[in-house]
């Protein structure tokens, strides 16, 4: 597995990489809240660039649509 912690090239991530990242977020077993936040931001970045990889894990992002009308 690639070190997703500092991984920058989202284009080369696989479904397995994203599943591992999502599992870490689900387990919420981090040494500090900043590690969790870093993973969350990475998952969010993946969602914007490669939504198909993140669709099964969108619930982890708590993204809500807002009706501003």
N, C-alpha and C. Protein backbone atom coordinates (compact mmCIF):
# COMPACT_ATOMS: atom_id res chain seq x y z
N UNK A 1 0.82 -1.18 0.00
CA UNK A 1 0.00 0.00 0.00
C UNK A 1 0.87 1.25 0.00
N UNK A 2 0.42 2.24 -0.72
CA UNK A 2 1.12 3.51 -0.75
C UNK A 2 0.91 4.21 0.59
N UNK A 3 1.83 5.08 0.96
CA UNK A 3 1.66 5.87 2.16
C UNK A 3 0.68 7.00 1.85
N UNK A 4 -0.58 6.79 2.16
CA UNK A 4 -1.61 7.76 1.83
C UNK A 4 -1.50 9.02 2.66
N UNK A 5 -0.81 8.94 3.76
CA UNK A 5 -0.70 10.08 4.65
C UNK A 5 -0.17 11.32 3.94
N UNK A 6 0.82 11.12 3.10
CA UNK A 6 1.40 12.26 2.39
C UNK A 6 1.27 12.09 0.87
N UNK A 7 0.31 11.30 0.47
CA UNK A 7 0.16 10.99 -0.94
C UNK A 7 -0.43 12.16 -1.70
N UNK A 8 0.17 12.56 -2.78
CA UNK A 8 -0.27 13.73 -3.52
C UNK A 8 -0.93 13.39 -4.86
N UNK A 9 -0.57 12.28 -5.49
CA UNK A 9 -1.05 11.98 -6.83
C UNK A 9 -2.34 11.17 -6.76
N UNK A 10 -3.45 11.86 -6.63
CA UNK A 10 -4.75 11.22 -6.48
C UNK A 10 -5.11 10.42 -7.73
N UNK A 11 -4.61 10.82 -8.87
CA UNK A 11 -4.94 10.14 -10.13
C UNK A 11 -4.51 8.68 -10.15
N UNK A 12 -3.51 8.32 -9.35
CA UNK A 12 -3.02 6.94 -9.37
C UNK A 12 -3.56 6.08 -8.22
N UNK A 13 -4.42 6.65 -7.38
CA UNK A 13 -4.98 5.86 -6.27
C UNK A 13 -5.91 4.78 -6.80
N UNK A 14 -5.95 3.67 -6.12
CA UNK A 14 -6.82 2.56 -6.50
C UNK A 14 -8.00 2.48 -5.54
N UNK A 15 -8.97 1.65 -5.88
CA UNK A 15 -10.11 1.43 -4.98
C UNK A 15 -9.63 0.83 -3.66
N UNK A 16 -8.59 0.01 -3.71
CA UNK A 16 -8.04 -0.58 -2.49
C UNK A 16 -7.42 0.49 -1.60
N UNK A 17 -6.70 1.43 -2.19
CA UNK A 17 -6.11 2.53 -1.42
C UNK A 17 -7.20 3.32 -0.70
N UNK A 18 -8.26 3.63 -1.41
CA UNK A 18 -9.35 4.42 -0.83
C UNK A 18 -10.08 3.61 0.25
N UNK A 19 -10.24 2.32 0.04
CA UNK A 19 -10.88 1.47 1.04
C UNK A 19 -10.06 1.44 2.33
N UNK A 20 -8.75 1.39 2.21
CA UNK A 20 -7.88 1.40 3.39
C UNK A 20 -8.00 2.73 4.11
N UNK A 21 -8.01 3.81 3.36
CA UNK A 21 -8.17 5.14 3.95
C UNK A 21 -9.52 5.25 4.67
N UNK A 22 -10.57 4.81 4.03
CA UNK A 22 -11.91 4.86 4.63
C UNK A 22 -11.98 3.99 5.88
N UNK A 23 -11.34 2.84 5.85
CA UNK A 23 -11.33 1.97 7.01
C UNK A 23 -10.64 2.64 8.20
N UNK A 24 -9.54 3.33 7.92
CA UNK A 24 -8.86 4.06 9.00
C UNK A 24 -9.78 5.11 9.61
N UNK A 25 -10.52 5.81 8.74
CA UNK A 25 -11.44 6.83 9.25
C UNK A 25 -12.58 6.19 10.05
N UNK A 26 -13.07 5.05 9.58
CA UNK A 26 -14.14 4.36 10.31
C UNK A 26 -13.67 3.86 11.67
N UNK A 27 -12.45 3.36 11.72
CA UNK A 27 -11.92 2.84 12.98
C UNK A 27 -11.62 3.97 13.97
N UNK A 28 -11.29 5.13 13.44
CA UNK A 28 -11.01 6.32 14.25
C UNK A 28 -9.99 6.03 15.35
N UNK A 29 -8.94 5.32 14.97
CA UNK A 29 -7.90 4.95 15.93
C UNK A 29 -6.61 5.70 15.56
N UNK A 30 -6.59 6.98 15.88
CA UNK A 30 -5.46 7.84 15.55
C UNK A 30 -4.75 8.28 16.82
N UNK A 31 -3.49 8.61 16.68
CA UNK A 31 -2.72 9.12 17.82
C UNK A 31 -3.08 10.56 18.15
N UNK A 32 -3.56 11.29 17.15
CA UNK A 32 -3.95 12.68 17.39
C UNK A 32 -5.11 13.02 16.46
N UNK A 33 -5.90 14.02 16.81
CA UNK A 33 -7.00 14.42 15.93
C UNK A 33 -6.50 14.96 14.60
N UNK A 34 -5.26 15.44 14.57
CA UNK A 34 -4.72 15.98 13.34
C UNK A 34 -4.49 14.90 12.29
N UNK A 35 -4.14 13.70 12.72
CA UNK A 35 -3.99 12.58 11.78
C UNK A 35 -5.33 12.24 11.14
N UNK A 36 -6.38 12.23 11.93
CA UNK A 36 -7.71 11.95 11.40
C UNK A 36 -8.13 13.04 10.42
N UNK A 37 -7.85 14.27 10.78
CA UNK A 37 -8.21 15.39 9.91
C UNK A 37 -7.46 15.33 8.59
N UNK A 38 -6.21 14.91 8.64
CA UNK A 38 -5.42 14.78 7.42
C UNK A 38 -6.04 13.72 6.50
N UNK A 39 -6.43 12.57 7.06
CA UNK A 39 -7.08 11.54 6.26
C UNK A 39 -8.41 12.03 5.71
N UNK A 40 -9.16 12.76 6.54
CA UNK A 40 -10.46 13.27 6.10
C UNK A 40 -10.28 14.23 4.92
N UNK A 41 -9.28 15.11 5.01
CA UNK A 41 -9.03 16.05 3.91
C UNK A 41 -8.59 15.31 2.64
N UNK A 42 -7.82 14.26 2.80
CA UNK A 42 -7.42 13.47 1.64
C UNK A 42 -8.63 12.81 1.00
N UNK A 43 -9.51 12.22 1.80
CA UNK A 43 -10.71 11.59 1.25
C UNK A 43 -11.58 12.62 0.54
N UNK A 44 -11.67 13.80 1.10
CA UNK A 44 -12.44 14.88 0.49
C UNK A 44 -11.82 15.30 -0.85
N UNK A 45 -10.51 15.40 -0.90
CA UNK A 45 -9.83 15.77 -2.15
C UNK A 45 -10.06 14.69 -3.21
N UNK A 46 -10.02 13.44 -2.79
CA UNK A 46 -10.29 12.35 -3.73
C UNK A 46 -11.72 12.46 -4.25
N UNK A 47 -12.65 12.80 -3.36
CA UNK A 47 -14.06 12.91 -3.76
C UNK A 47 -14.26 13.97 -4.83
N UNK A 48 -13.51 15.05 -4.76
CA UNK A 48 -13.64 16.11 -5.76
C UNK A 48 -13.00 15.73 -7.09
N UNK A 49 -11.92 14.95 -7.04
CA UNK A 49 -11.20 14.63 -8.27
C UNK A 49 -11.59 13.29 -8.87
N UNK A 50 -11.95 12.32 -8.02
CA UNK A 50 -12.27 10.97 -8.51
C UNK A 50 -13.45 10.42 -7.71
N UNK A 51 -14.59 11.03 -7.91
CA UNK A 51 -15.78 10.73 -7.12
C UNK A 51 -16.16 9.25 -7.13
N UNK A 52 -15.89 8.57 -8.23
CA UNK A 52 -16.26 7.15 -8.33
C UNK A 52 -15.57 6.29 -7.28
N UNK A 53 -14.40 6.71 -6.84
CA UNK A 53 -13.67 5.95 -5.82
C UNK A 53 -14.24 6.15 -4.42
N UNK A 54 -14.86 7.29 -4.20
CA UNK A 54 -15.30 7.67 -2.86
C UNK A 54 -16.79 7.41 -2.63
N UNK A 55 -17.55 7.15 -3.68
CA UNK A 55 -19.00 7.00 -3.54
C UNK A 55 -19.42 6.08 -2.40
N UNK A 56 -18.78 4.92 -2.20
CA UNK A 56 -19.21 4.07 -1.08
C UNK A 56 -18.91 4.65 0.30
N UNK A 57 -18.12 5.71 0.35
CA UNK A 57 -17.67 6.26 1.64
C UNK A 57 -18.09 7.71 1.85
N UNK A 58 -19.01 8.20 1.05
CA UNK A 58 -19.42 9.60 1.16
C UNK A 58 -19.96 9.93 2.55
N UNK A 59 -20.54 8.95 3.22
CA UNK A 59 -21.07 9.20 4.56
C UNK A 59 -19.98 9.63 5.54
N UNK A 60 -18.73 9.31 5.26
CA UNK A 60 -17.63 9.70 6.12
C UNK A 60 -17.30 11.19 6.00
N UNK A 61 -17.75 11.79 4.92
CA UNK A 61 -17.41 13.19 4.67
C UNK A 61 -18.44 14.16 5.22
N UNK A 62 -19.63 13.69 5.51
CA UNK A 62 -20.70 14.56 6.04
C UNK A 62 -20.93 15.78 5.14
N UNK A 63 -20.88 15.55 3.85
CA UNK A 63 -21.14 16.64 2.90
C UNK A 63 -22.65 16.73 2.71
N UNK A 64 -23.17 17.92 2.94
CA UNK A 64 -24.60 18.14 2.78
C UNK A 64 -24.81 19.17 1.69
N UNK A 65 -25.90 19.00 0.97
CA UNK A 65 -26.27 20.02 -0.01
C UNK A 65 -27.09 21.07 0.72
N UNK A 66 -26.87 22.30 0.34
CA UNK A 66 -27.57 23.39 0.98
C UNK A 66 -28.52 24.04 -0.01
N UNK A 67 -29.71 24.30 0.46
CA UNK A 67 -30.70 24.98 -0.35
C UNK A 67 -30.66 26.45 0.04
N UNK A 68 -30.01 27.22 -0.81
CA UNK A 68 -29.85 28.63 -0.49
C UNK A 68 -30.89 29.49 -1.19
N UNK A 69 -31.91 28.86 -1.70
CA UNK A 69 -32.98 29.63 -2.38
C UNK A 69 -33.91 30.26 -1.40
